[in-house]
Every structure is written in structure tokens, then in C-alpha cells.
């Protein structure tokens, strides 16, 4: 079953699915990910994320005004 078409909450235009590119270790390309809790600096560079719930984001862009809306589920 396909998901219902989404409309932009700003201008009512149609929304298209995409993703926000995130760069990981050594420049690896990944989908942006939601991580529970406030950011905590790691021992070296970056953030502590071990043991925290992580969910890849789904992002939708309005074809009319460019508004972005992201979901993590």
C-alpha cells in the first residue's frame, strides 16, 4: 500500500521525498540520522552516540516553495 500524497503545510504545494546527506568518518556519505538526547562531545572529535537510539531521517521537499519537513520513525 502506498503512502498518501503529502501537501506542503506552508503553500499547499506537492511534497517529494528525498534525504539530507550527512558526511561520516573519512567523508563517507550517509543519510542524516536523529539521535536521542542532547548532543554530548566525544573524547576526540565528534559526538558520543554509543548506546543511544538512532533513527534515519526521511525528508520531504515542497516542489513549490522549497520547504523541508523531516521525520524519524
C-alpha atoms as a PDB file:
ATOM      1  CA  UNK A   1       0.000   0.000   0.000  1.00  0.00           C
ATOM      2  CA  UNK A   2       1.450   3.391  -0.982  1.00  0.00           C
ATOM      3  CA  UNK A   3       1.508   6.365   1.344  1.00  0.00           C
ATOM      4  CA  UNK A   4      -0.959   9.207   0.725  1.00  0.00           C
ATOM      5  CA  UNK A   5       0.345  12.239  -1.168  1.00  0.00           C
ATOM      6  CA  UNK A   6       1.679  14.917   1.158  1.00  0.00           C
ATOM      7  CA  UNK A   7       0.914  18.614   0.731  1.00  0.00           C
ATOM      8  CA  UNK A   8       3.118  21.441   1.975  1.00  0.00           C
ATOM      9  CA  UNK A   9       1.870  22.961   5.262  1.00  0.00           C
ATOM     10  CA  UNK A  10       3.117  26.385   4.063  1.00  0.00           C
ATOM     11  CA  UNK A  11       1.845  26.770   0.466  1.00  0.00           C
ATOM     12  CA  UNK A  12      -0.170  23.540  -0.109  1.00  0.00           C
ATOM     13  CA  UNK A  13       2.169  22.503  -2.969  1.00  0.00           C
ATOM     14  CA  UNK A  14       3.115  18.859  -3.530  1.00  0.00           C
ATOM     15  CA  UNK A  15       5.917  17.293  -1.472  1.00  0.00           C
ATOM     16  CA  UNK A  16       8.563  14.979  -2.917  1.00  0.00           C
ATOM     17  CA  UNK A  17      10.602  12.520  -0.839  1.00  0.00           C
ATOM     18  CA  UNK A  18      14.377  12.805  -0.657  1.00  0.00           C
ATOM     19  CA  UNK A  19      17.025  12.838   2.054  1.00  0.00           C
ATOM     20  CA  UNK A  20      19.577  15.101   3.687  1.00  0.00           C
ATOM     21  CA  UNK A  21      23.132  13.973   3.027  1.00  0.00           C
ATOM     22  CA  UNK A  22      25.382  13.670   6.067  1.00  0.00           C
ATOM     23  CA  UNK A  23      29.131  13.096   5.973  1.00  0.00           C
ATOM     24  CA  UNK A  24      30.582  10.436   8.264  1.00  0.00           C
ATOM     25  CA  UNK A  25      34.068   9.156   9.060  1.00  0.00           C
ATOM     26  CA  UNK A  26      36.572   9.784   6.254  1.00  0.00           C
ATOM     27  CA  UNK A  27      33.913  11.602   4.227  1.00  0.00           C
ATOM     28  CA  UNK A  28      31.586   8.597   3.877  1.00  0.00           C
ATOM     29  CA  UNK A  29      28.137   9.591   2.646  1.00  0.00           C
ATOM     30  CA  UNK A  30      25.164   8.706   4.848  1.00  0.00           C
ATOM     31  CA  UNK A  31      21.539   9.675   5.387  1.00  0.00           C
ATOM     32  CA  UNK A  32      21.129  12.169   8.257  1.00  0.00           C
ATOM     33  CA  UNK A  33      20.127  10.398  11.480  1.00  0.00           C
ATOM     34  CA  UNK A  34      18.113  11.527  14.508  1.00  0.00           C
ATOM     35  CA  UNK A  35      19.837  10.662  17.831  1.00  0.00           C
ATOM     36  CA  UNK A  36      18.008  10.757  21.179  1.00  0.00           C
ATOM     37  CA  UNK A  37      19.029  13.275  23.843  1.00  0.00           C
ATOM     38  CA  UNK A  38      21.131  16.433  23.734  1.00  0.00           C
ATOM     39  CA  UNK A  39      24.478  16.347  21.886  1.00  0.00           C
ATOM     40  CA  UNK A  40      27.457  15.371  24.063  1.00  0.00           C
ATOM     41  CA  UNK A  41      31.038  15.987  22.868  1.00  0.00           C
ATOM     42  CA  UNK A  42      33.159  12.867  22.350  1.00  0.00           C
ATOM     43  CA  UNK A  43      36.673  12.252  23.692  1.00  0.00           C
ATOM     44  CA  UNK A  44      38.287  13.158  20.355  1.00  0.00           C
ATOM     45  CA  UNK A  45      36.254  14.758  17.601  1.00  0.00           C
ATOM     46  CA  UNK A  46      32.542  14.383  17.062  1.00  0.00           C
ATOM     47  CA  UNK A  47      29.795  13.340  19.447  1.00  0.00           C
ATOM     48  CA  UNK A  48      29.094  10.461  21.830  1.00  0.00           C
ATOM     49  CA  UNK A  49      26.364   8.271  20.329  1.00  0.00           C
ATOM     50  CA  UNK A  50      27.133   4.766  21.640  1.00  0.00           C
ATOM     51  CA  UNK A  51      24.079   3.213  23.277  1.00  0.00           C
ATOM     52  CA  UNK A  52      21.715   5.978  22.102  1.00  0.00           C
ATOM     53  CA  UNK A  53      18.669   5.309  19.932  1.00  0.00           C
ATOM     54  CA  UNK A  54      19.316   6.344  16.315  1.00  0.00           C
ATOM     55  CA  UNK A  55      16.718   6.623  13.547  1.00  0.00           C
ATOM     56  CA  UNK A  56      17.454   7.564   9.900  1.00  0.00           C
ATOM     57  CA  UNK A  57      15.524  10.647   8.761  1.00  0.00           C
ATOM     58  CA  UNK A  58      13.046  10.825   5.877  1.00  0.00           C
ATOM     59  CA  UNK A  59      12.824  14.294   4.393  1.00  0.00           C
ATOM     60  CA  UNK A  60      10.218  15.801   2.086  1.00  0.00           C
ATOM     61  CA  UNK A  61      10.661  18.961  -0.048  1.00  0.00           C
ATOM     62  CA  UNK A  62       7.893  21.171  -1.393  1.00  0.00           C
ATOM     63  CA  UNK A  63       8.156  21.499  -5.176  1.00  0.00           C
ATOM     64  CA  UNK A  64       6.538  24.953  -4.928  1.00  0.00           C
ATOM     65  CA  UNK A  65       8.268  26.878  -2.126  1.00  0.00           C
ATOM     66  CA  UNK A  66      11.174  24.560  -1.165  1.00  0.00           C
ATOM     67  CA  UNK A  67      10.027  23.988   2.443  1.00  0.00           C
ATOM     68  CA  UNK A  68      11.667  20.900   4.033  1.00  0.00           C
ATOM     69  CA  UNK A  69       9.992  18.603   6.552  1.00  0.00           C
ATOM     70  CA  UNK A  70      11.847  15.681   8.165  1.00  0.00           C
ATOM     71  CA  UNK A  71      10.577  12.597  10.011  1.00  0.00           C
ATOM     72  CA  UNK A  72      12.349   9.941  12.076  1.00  0.00           C
ATOM     73  CA  UNK A  73      10.355   6.724  12.517  1.00  0.00           C
END
